Amino acid sequence: NRSLVRKRAKILSPFDNLIIQRKRMQDLFG
């Protein structure tokens, strides 16, 4: 129900918690 800030870009670390599981990123983010 909350809004997501979509206009701002973020440069992520290869070890960022979001992307540490590579298969998950492929499944959810393609």
PDB file of all heavy atoms in Angstrom:
ATOM      1  N   ASN A   1       0.817  -1.216   0.000  1.00  0.00           N
ATOM      2  CA  ASN A   1       0.000   0.000   0.000  1.00  0.00           C
ATOM      3  C   ASN A   1       0.853   1.269   0.000  1.00  0.00           C
ATOM      4  O   ASN A   1       0.325   2.370  -0.148  1.00  0.00           O
ATOM      5  CB  ASN A   1      -0.931   0.007   1.216  1.00  0.00           C
ATOM      6  CG  ASN A   1      -1.923  -1.141   1.189  1.00  0.00           C
ATOM      7  OD1 ASN A   1      -2.436  -1.500   0.129  1.00  0.00           O
ATOM      8  ND2 ASN A   1      -2.183  -1.742   2.348  1.00  0.00           N
ATOM      9  N   ARG A   2       2.160   1.113   0.192  1.00  0.00           N
ATOM     10  CA  ARG A   2       3.057   2.261   0.180  1.00  0.00           C
ATOM     11  C   ARG A   2       3.596   2.507  -1.225  1.00  0.00           C
ATOM     12  O   ARG A   2       3.564   1.624  -2.083  1.00  0.00           O
ATOM     13  CB  ARG A   2       4.234   2.034   1.141  1.00  0.00           C
ATOM     14  CG  ARG A   2       3.835   1.860   2.594  1.00  0.00           C
ATOM     15  CD  ARG A   2       5.077   1.788   3.457  1.00  0.00           C
ATOM     16  NE  ARG A   2       4.759   1.433   4.836  1.00  0.00           N
ATOM     17  CZ  ARG A   2       5.671   1.266   5.788  1.00  0.00           C
ATOM     18  NH1 ARG A   2       6.964   1.423   5.506  1.00  0.00           N
ATOM     19  NH2 ARG A   2       5.304   0.935   7.014  1.00  0.00           N
ATOM     20  N   SER A   3       4.110   3.692  -1.434  1.00  0.00           N
ATOM     21  CA  SER A   3       4.690   4.012  -2.744  1.00  0.00           C
ATOM     22  C   SER A   3       6.174   3.646  -2.752  1.00  0.00           C
ATOM     23  O   SER A   3       6.848   3.709  -1.723  1.00  0.00           O
ATOM     24  CB  SER A   3       4.514   5.494  -3.066  1.00  0.00           C
ATOM     25  OG  SER A   3       5.142   6.293  -2.082  1.00  0.00           O
ATOM     26  N   LEU A   4       6.653   3.271  -3.900  1.00  0.00           N
ATOM     27  CA  LEU A   4       8.067   2.953  -4.110  1.00  0.00           C
ATOM     28  C   LEU A   4       8.697   4.085  -4.913  1.00  0.00           C
ATOM     29  O   LEU A   4       8.159   4.504  -5.936  1.00  0.00           O
ATOM     30  CB  LEU A   4       8.207   1.636  -4.866  1.00  0.00           C
ATOM     31  CG  LEU A   4       9.623   1.203  -5.246  1.00  0.00           C
ATOM     32  CD1 LEU A   4      10.421   0.831  -4.000  1.00  0.00           C
ATOM     33  CD2 LEU A   4       9.587   0.010  -6.214  1.00  0.00           C
ATOM     34  N   VAL A   5       9.843   4.571  -4.439  1.00  0.00           N
ATOM     35  CA  VAL A   5      10.555   5.617  -5.167  1.00  0.00           C
ATOM     36  C   VAL A   5      11.153   4.994  -6.428  1.00  0.00           C
ATOM     37  O   VAL A   5      12.072   4.180  -6.352  1.00  0.00           O
ATOM     38  CB  VAL A   5      11.665   6.248  -4.304  1.00  0.00           C
ATOM     39  CG1 VAL A   5      12.418   7.301  -5.108  1.00  0.00           C
ATOM     40  CG2 VAL A   5      11.077   6.859  -3.041  1.00  0.00           C
ATOM     41  N   ARG A   6      10.617   5.369  -7.564  1.00  0.00           N
ATOM     42  CA  ARG A   6      11.052   4.758  -8.822  1.00  0.00           C
ATOM     43  C   ARG A   6      11.982   5.659  -9.632  1.00  0.00           C
ATOM     44  O   ARG A   6      12.691   5.189 -10.516  1.00  0.00           O
ATOM     45  CB  ARG A   6       9.832   4.386  -9.680  1.00  0.00           C
ATOM     46  CG  ARG A   6       8.967   3.319  -9.027  1.00  0.00           C
ATOM     47  CD  ARG A   6       7.786   2.922  -9.901  1.00  0.00           C
ATOM     48  NE  ARG A   6       7.015   1.856  -9.275  1.00  0.00           N
ATOM     49  CZ  ARG A   6       7.318   0.564  -9.372  1.00  0.00           C
ATOM     50  NH1 ARG A   6       8.360   0.183 -10.095  1.00  0.00           N
ATOM     51  NH2 ARG A   6       6.578  -0.337  -8.772  1.00  0.00           N
ATOM     52  N   LYS A   7      11.973   6.952  -9.335  1.00  0.00           N
ATOM     53  CA  LYS A   7      12.756   7.888 -10.147  1.00  0.00           C
ATOM     54  C   LYS A   7      14.241   7.840  -9.833  1.00  0.00           C
ATOM     55  O   LYS A   7      15.067   8.210 -10.664  1.00  0.00           O
ATOM     56  CB  LYS A   7      12.232   9.306  -9.942  1.00  0.00           C
ATOM     57  CG  LYS A   7      10.840   9.539 -10.502  1.00  0.00           C
ATOM     58  CD  LYS A   7      10.400  10.977 -10.308  1.00  0.00           C
ATOM     59  CE  LYS A   7       9.016  11.222 -10.893  1.00  0.00           C
ATOM     60  NZ  LYS A   7       8.582  12.630 -10.707  1.00  0.00           N
ATOM     61  N   ARG A   8      14.582   7.394  -8.616  1.00  0.00           N
ATOM     62  CA  ARG A   8      15.983   7.429  -8.214  1.00  0.00           C
ATOM     63  C   ARG A   8      16.692   6.127  -8.568  1.00  0.00           C
ATOM     64  O   ARG A   8      16.151   5.038  -8.376  1.00  0.00           O
ATOM     65  CB  ARG A   8      16.090   7.672  -6.706  1.00  0.00           C
ATOM     66  CG  ARG A   8      17.518   7.805  -6.247  1.00  0.00           C
ATOM     67  CD  ARG A   8      17.641   8.221  -4.805  1.00  0.00           C
ATOM     68  NE  ARG A   8      19.044   8.302  -4.418  1.00  0.00           N
ATOM     69  CZ  ARG A   8      19.460   8.559  -3.195  1.00  0.00           C
ATOM     70  NH1 ARG A   8      18.581   8.762  -2.219  1.00  0.00           N
ATOM     71  NH2 ARG A   8      20.753   8.624  -2.913  1.00  0.00           N
ATOM     72  N   ALA A   9      17.886   6.221  -9.093  1.00  0.00           N
ATOM     73  CA  ALA A   9      18.717   5.053  -9.381  1.00  0.00           C
ATOM     74  C   ALA A   9      19.600   4.752  -8.170  1.00  0.00           C
ATOM     75  O   ALA A   9      19.934   5.654  -7.394  1.00  0.00           O
ATOM     76  CB  ALA A   9      19.583   5.302 -10.613  1.00  0.00           C
ATOM     77  N   LYS A  10      19.970   3.489  -8.010  1.00  0.00           N
ATOM     78  CA  LYS A  10      20.924   3.085  -6.975  1.00  0.00           C
ATOM     79  C   LYS A  10      21.941   2.137  -7.596  1.00  0.00           C
ATOM     80  O   LYS A  10      21.586   1.177  -8.291  1.00  0.00           O
ATOM     81  CB  LYS A  10      20.233   2.393  -5.802  1.00  0.00           C
ATOM     82  CG  LYS A  10      19.333   3.279  -4.953  1.00  0.00           C
ATOM     83  CD  LYS A  10      20.032   4.496  -4.391  1.00  0.00           C
ATOM     84  CE  LYS A  10      21.122   4.185  -3.405  1.00  0.00           C
ATOM     85  NZ  LYS A  10      21.762   5.432  -2.871  1.00  0.00           N
ATOM     86  N   ILE A  11      23.207   2.422  -7.344  1.00  0.00           N
ATOM     87  CA  ILE A  11      24.307   1.583  -7.807  1.00  0.00           C
ATOM     88  C   ILE A  11      24.643   0.624  -6.664  1.00  0.00           C
ATOM     89  O   ILE A  11      25.037   1.055  -5.581  1.00  0.00           O
ATOM     90  CB  ILE A  11      25.529   2.443  -8.172  1.00  0.00           C
ATOM     91  CG1 ILE A  11      25.145   3.468  -9.250  1.00  0.00           C
ATOM     92  CG2 ILE A  11      26.681   1.562  -8.649  1.00  0.00           C
ATOM     93  CD1 ILE A  11      26.174   4.577  -9.440  1.00  0.00           C
ATOM     94  N   LEU A  12      24.462  -0.668  -6.886  1.00  0.00           N
ATOM     95  CA  LEU A  12      24.526  -1.649  -5.807  1.00  0.00           C
ATOM     96  C   LEU A  12      25.870  -2.365  -5.743  1.00  0.00           C
ATOM     97  O   LEU A  12      26.528  -2.579  -6.768  1.00  0.00           O
ATOM     98  CB  LEU A  12      23.420  -2.691  -5.983  1.00  0.00           C
ATOM     99  CG  LEU A  12      21.983  -2.166  -6.043  1.00  0.00           C
ATOM    100  CD1 LEU A  12      21.017  -3.319  -6.290  1.00  0.00           C
ATOM    101  CD2 LEU A  12      21.620  -1.418  -4.775  1.00  0.00           C
ATOM    102  N   SER A  13      26.244  -2.754  -4.551  1.00  0.00           N
ATOM    103  CA  SER A  13      27.419  -3.602  -4.365  1.00  0.00           C
ATOM    104  C   SER A  13      27.115  -5.026  -4.837  1.00  0.00           C
ATOM    105  O   SER A  13      25.978  -5.495  -4.699  1.00  0.00           O
ATOM    106  CB  SER A  13      27.802  -3.644  -2.881  1.00  0.00           C
ATOM    107  OG  SER A  13      28.698  -4.717  -2.616  1.00  0.00           O
ATOM    108  N   PRO A  14      28.110  -5.739  -5.371  1.00  0.00           N
ATOM    109  CA  PRO A  14      27.893  -7.158  -5.702  1.00  0.00           C
ATOM    110  C   PRO A  14      27.507  -7.995  -4.488  1.00  0.00           C
ATOM    111  O   PRO A  14      26.946  -9.079  -4.639  1.00  0.00           O
ATOM    112  CB  PRO A  14      29.256  -7.595  -6.255  1.00  0.00           C
ATOM    113  CG  PRO A  14      29.895  -6.335  -6.730  1.00  0.00           C
ATOM    114  CD  PRO A  14      29.446  -5.276  -5.767  1.00  0.00           C
ATOM    115  N   PHE A  15      27.817  -7.487  -3.279  1.00  0.00           N
ATOM    116  CA  PHE A  15      27.517  -8.226  -2.052  1.00  0.00           C
ATOM    117  C   PHE A  15      26.324  -7.621  -1.304  1.00  0.00           C
ATOM    118  O   PHE A  15      26.100  -7.929  -0.130  1.00  0.00           O
ATOM    119  CB  PHE A  15      28.756  -8.254  -1.149  1.00  0.00           C
ATOM    120  CG  PHE A  15      29.959  -8.840  -1.834  1.00  0.00           C
ATOM    121  CD1 PHE A  15      30.985  -8.033  -2.305  1.00  0.00           C
ATOM    122  CD2 PHE A  15      30.065 -10.203  -2.043  1.00  0.00           C
ATOM    123  CE1 PHE A  15      32.088  -8.554  -2.958  1.00  0.00           C
ATOM    124  CE2 PHE A  15      31.166 -10.756  -2.692  1.00  0.00           C
ATOM    125  CZ  PHE A  15      32.177  -9.928  -3.148  1.00  0.00           C
ATOM    126  N   ASP A  16      25.570  -6.771  -1.978  1.00  0.00           N
ATOM    127  CA  ASP A  16      24.380  -6.183  -1.368  1.00  0.00           C
ATOM    128  C   ASP A  16      23.388  -7.287  -1.003  1.00  0.00           C
ATOM    129  O   ASP A  16      23.220  -8.269  -1.728  1.00  0.00           O
ATOM    130  CB  ASP A  16      23.725  -5.199  -2.336  1.00  0.00           C
ATOM    131  CG  ASP A  16      22.678  -4.341  -1.660  1.00  0.00           C
ATOM    132  OD1 ASP A  16      21.547  -4.834  -1.431  1.00  0.00           O
ATOM    133  OD2 ASP A  16      22.983  -3.186  -1.335  1.00  0.00           O
ATOM    134  N   ASN A  17      22.699  -7.094   0.128  1.00  0.00           N
ATOM    135  CA  ASN A  17      21.733  -8.093   0.594  1.00  0.00           C
ATOM    136  C   ASN A  17      20.654  -8.379  -0.443  1.00  0.00           C
ATOM    137  O   ASN A  17      20.138  -9.503  -0.508  1.00  0.00           O
ATOM    138  CB  ASN A  17      21.083  -7.614   1.890  1.00  0.00           C
ATOM    139  CG  ASN A  17      22.089  -7.402   3.004  1.00  0.00           C
ATOM    140  OD1 ASN A  17      23.110  -6.738   2.816  1.00  0.00           O
ATOM    141  ND2 ASN A  17      21.825  -7.949   4.182  1.00  0.00           N
ATOM    142  N   LEU A  18      20.308  -7.388  -1.253  1.00  0.00           N
ATOM    143  CA  LEU A  18      19.268  -7.591  -2.260  1.00  0.00           C
ATOM    144  C   LEU A  18      19.655  -8.652  -3.269  1.00  0.00           C
ATOM    145  O   LEU A  18      18.815  -9.466  -3.672  1.00  0.00           O
ATOM    146  CB  LEU A  18      18.977  -6.275  -2.994  1.00  0.00           C
ATOM    147  CG  LEU A  18      18.005  -6.384  -4.181  1.00  0.00           C
ATOM    148  CD1 LEU A  18      16.592  -6.706  -3.698  1.00  0.00           C
ATOM    149  CD2 LEU A  18      18.015  -5.113  -5.021  1.00  0.00           C
ATOM    150  N   ILE A  19      20.906  -8.664  -3.698  1.00  0.00           N
ATOM    151  CA  ILE A  19      21.271  -9.467  -4.867  1.00  0.00           C
ATOM    152  C   ILE A  19      22.195 -10.636  -4.556  1.00  0.00           C
ATOM    153  O   ILE A  19      22.663 -11.307  -5.460  1.00  0.00           O
ATOM    154  CB  ILE A  19      21.930  -8.585  -5.953  1.00  0.00           C
ATOM    155  CG1 ILE A  19      23.224  -7.966  -5.426  1.00  0.00           C
ATOM    156  CG2 ILE A  19      20.973  -7.521  -6.436  1.00  0.00           C
ATOM    157  CD1 ILE A  19      24.049  -7.348  -6.518  1.00  0.00           C
ATOM    158  N   ILE A  20      22.454 -10.902  -3.275  1.00  0.00           N
ATOM    159  CA  ILE A  20      23.458 -11.907  -2.929  1.00  0.00           C
ATOM    160  C   ILE A  20      23.066 -13.302  -3.415  1.00  0.00           C
ATOM    161  O   ILE A  20      23.930 -14.126  -3.725  1.00  0.00           O
ATOM    162  CB  ILE A  20      23.743 -11.893  -1.406  1.00  0.00           C
ATOM    163  CG1 ILE A  20      25.057 -12.629  -1.109  1.00  0.00           C
ATOM    164  CG2 ILE A  20      22.580 -12.469  -0.617  1.00  0.00           C
ATOM    165  CD1 ILE A  20      26.287 -11.974  -1.712  1.00  0.00           C
ATOM    166  N   GLN A  21      21.763 -13.578  -3.508  1.00  0.00           N
ATOM    167  CA  GLN A  21      21.325 -14.869  -4.039  1.00  0.00           C
ATOM    168  C   GLN A  21      20.970 -14.681  -5.518  1.00  0.00           C
ATOM    169  O   GLN A  21      19.923 -14.156  -5.861  1.00  0.00           O
ATOM    170  CB  GLN A  21      20.137 -15.405  -3.240  1.00  0.00           C
ATOM    171  CG  GLN A  21      20.496 -15.715  -1.787  1.00  0.00           C
ATOM    172  CD  GLN A  21      19.461 -16.574  -1.099  1.00  0.00           C
ATOM    173  OE1 GLN A  21      18.954 -17.546  -1.665  1.00  0.00           O
ATOM    174  NE2 GLN A  21      19.149 -16.243   0.149  1.00  0.00           N
ATOM    175  N   ARG A  22      21.859 -15.130  -6.383  1.00  0.00           N
ATOM    176  CA  ARG A  22      21.758 -14.809  -7.811  1.00  0.00           C
ATOM    177  C   ARG A  22      20.542 -15.456  -8.477  1.00  0.00           C
ATOM    178  O   ARG A  22      19.903 -14.842  -9.332  1.00  0.00           O
ATOM    179  CB  ARG A  22      23.033 -15.240  -8.538  1.00  0.00           C
ATOM    180  CG  ARG A  22      24.355 -14.853  -7.880  1.00  0.00           C
ATOM    181  CD  ARG A  22      24.492 -13.367  -7.609  1.00  0.00           C
ATOM    182  NE  ARG A  22      25.875 -13.046  -7.276  1.00  0.00           N
ATOM    183  CZ  ARG A  22      26.259 -12.008  -6.564  1.00  0.00           C
ATOM    184  NH1 ARG A  22      25.357 -11.170  -6.076  1.00  0.00           N
ATOM    185  NH2 ARG A  22      27.533 -11.774  -6.320  1.00  0.00           N
ATOM    186  N   LYS A  23      20.220 -16.696  -8.106  1.00  0.00           N
ATOM    187  CA  LYS A  23      19.064 -17.357  -8.722  1.00  0.00           C
ATOM    188  C   LYS A  23      17.775 -16.612  -8.375  1.00  0.00           C
ATOM    189  O   LYS A  23      16.872 -16.467  -9.207  1.00  0.00           O
ATOM    190  CB  LYS A  23      18.964 -18.808  -8.256  1.00  0.00           C
ATOM    191  CG  LYS A  23      17.809 -19.577  -8.892  1.00  0.00           C
ATOM    192  CD  LYS A  23      17.751 -21.008  -8.402  1.00  0.00           C
ATOM    193  CE  LYS A  23      16.592 -21.756  -9.081  1.00  0.00           C
ATOM    194  NZ  LYS A  23      15.278 -21.153  -8.794  1.00  0.00           N
ATOM    195  N   ARG A  24      17.679 -16.123  -7.147  1.00  0.00           N
ATOM    196  CA  ARG A  24      16.508 -15.349  -6.727  1.00  0.00           C
ATOM    197  C   ARG A  24      16.357 -14.098  -7.579  1.00  0.00           C
ATOM    198  O   ARG A  24      15.249 -13.746  -7.995  1.00  0.00           O
ATOM    199  CB  ARG A  24      16.663 -14.995  -5.247  1.00  0.00           C
ATOM    200  CG  ARG A  24      15.601 -14.047  -4.683  1.00  0.00           C
ATOM    201  CD  ARG A  24      15.894 -13.790  -3.205  1.00  0.00           C
ATOM    202  NE  ARG A  24      15.101 -12.702  -2.669  1.00  0.00           N
ATOM    203  CZ  ARG A  24      13.881 -12.830  -2.148  1.00  0.00           C
ATOM    204  NH1 ARG A  24      13.307 -14.012  -2.127  1.00  0.00           N
ATOM    205  NH2 ARG A  24      13.246 -11.780  -1.653  1.00  0.00           N
ATOM    206  N   MET A  25      17.475 -13.438  -7.869  1.00  0.00           N
ATOM    207  CA  MET A  25      17.418 -12.229  -8.696  1.00  0.00           C
ATOM    208  C   MET A  25      16.968 -12.549 -10.120  1.00  0.00           C
ATOM    209  O   MET A  25      16.259 -11.759 -10.748  1.00  0.00           O
ATOM    210  CB  MET A  25      18.782 -11.542  -8.719  1.00  0.00           C
ATOM    211  CG  MET A  25      19.111 -10.780  -7.462  1.00  0.00           C
ATOM    212  SD  MET A  25      17.891  -9.478  -7.058  1.00  0.00           S
ATOM    213  CE  MET A  25      16.809 -10.349  -5.900  1.00  0.00           C
ATOM    214  N   GLN A  26      17.364 -13.704 -10.591  1.00  0.00           N
ATOM    215  CA  GLN A  26      16.933 -14.089 -11.932  1.00  0.00           C
ATOM    216  C   GLN A  26      15.440 -14.404 -11.944  1.00  0.00           C
ATOM    217  O   GLN A  26      14.715 -14.020 -12.870  1.00  0.00           O
ATOM    218  CB  GLN A  26      17.739 -15.298 -12.418  1.00  0.00           C
ATOM    219  CG  GLN A  26      17.606 -15.556 -13.902  1.00  0.00           C
ATOM    220  CD  GLN A  26      18.715 -16.426 -14.454  1.00  0.00           C
ATOM    221  OE1 GLN A  26      19.598 -16.863 -13.723  1.00  0.00           O
ATOM    222  NE2 GLN A  26      18.680 -16.680 -15.739  1.00  0.00           N
ATOM    223  N   ASP A  27      14.960 -15.082 -10.896  1.00  0.00           N
ATOM    224  CA  ASP A  27      13.543 -15.441 -10.817  1.00  0.00           C
ATOM    225  C   ASP A  27      12.645 -14.213 -10.668  1.00  0.00           C
ATOM    226  O   ASP A  27      11.611 -14.105 -11.327  1.00  0.00           O
ATOM    227  CB  ASP A  27      13.299 -16.388  -9.633  1.00  0.00           C
ATOM    228  CG  ASP A  27      13.887 -17.769  -9.859  1.00  0.00           C
ATOM    229  OD1 ASP A  27      14.182 -18.108 -11.024  1.00  0.00           O
ATOM    230  OD2 ASP A  27      14.052 -18.509  -8.871  1.00  0.00           O
ATOM    231  N   LEU A  28      13.028 -13.292  -9.777  1.00  0.00           N
ATOM    232  CA  LEU A  28      12.160 -12.168  -9.446  1.00  0.00           C
ATOM    233  C   LEU A  28      12.396 -10.929 -10.308  1.00  0.00           C
ATOM    234  O   LEU A  28      11.470 -10.169 -10.570  1.00  0.00           O
ATOM    235  CB  LEU A  28      12.327 -11.797  -7.963  1.00  0.00           C
ATOM    236  CG  LEU A  28      11.813 -12.825  -6.954  1.00  0.00           C
ATOM    237  CD1 LEU A  28      12.186 -12.415  -5.540  1.00  0.00           C
ATOM    238  CD2 LEU A  28      10.299 -13.000  -7.064  1.00  0.00           C
ATOM    239  N   PHE A  29      13.637 -10.714 -10.723  1.00  0.00           N
ATOM    240  CA  PHE A  29      13.977  -9.496 -11.468  1.00  0.00           C
ATOM    241  C   PHE A  29      14.395  -9.768 -12.909  1.00  0.00           C
ATOM    242  O   PHE A  29      14.652  -8.839 -13.665  1.00  0.00           O
ATOM    243  CB  PHE A  29      15.094  -8.741 -10.751  1.00  0.00           C
ATOM    244  CG  PHE A  29      14.657  -8.030  -9.495  1.00  0.00           C
ATOM    245  CD1 PHE A  29      14.491  -8.717  -8.308  1.00  0.00           C
ATOM    246  CD2 PHE A  29      14.399  -6.662  -9.499  1.00  0.00           C
ATOM    247  CE1 PHE A  29      14.083  -8.076  -7.141  1.00  0.00           C
ATOM    248  CE2 PHE A  29      13.993  -6.007  -8.343  1.00  0.00           C
ATOM    249  CZ  PHE A  29      13.825  -6.716  -7.164  1.00  0.00           C
ATOM    250  N   GLY A  30      14.496 -11.053 -13.262  1.00  0.00           N
ATOM    251  CA  GLY A  30      14.934 -11.387 -14.618  1.00  0.00           C
ATOM    252  C   GLY A  30      16.335 -10.887 -14.909  1.00  0.00           C
ATOM    253  O   GLY A  30      16.668 -10.566 -16.056  1.00  0.00           O
TER     254      GLY A  30
END
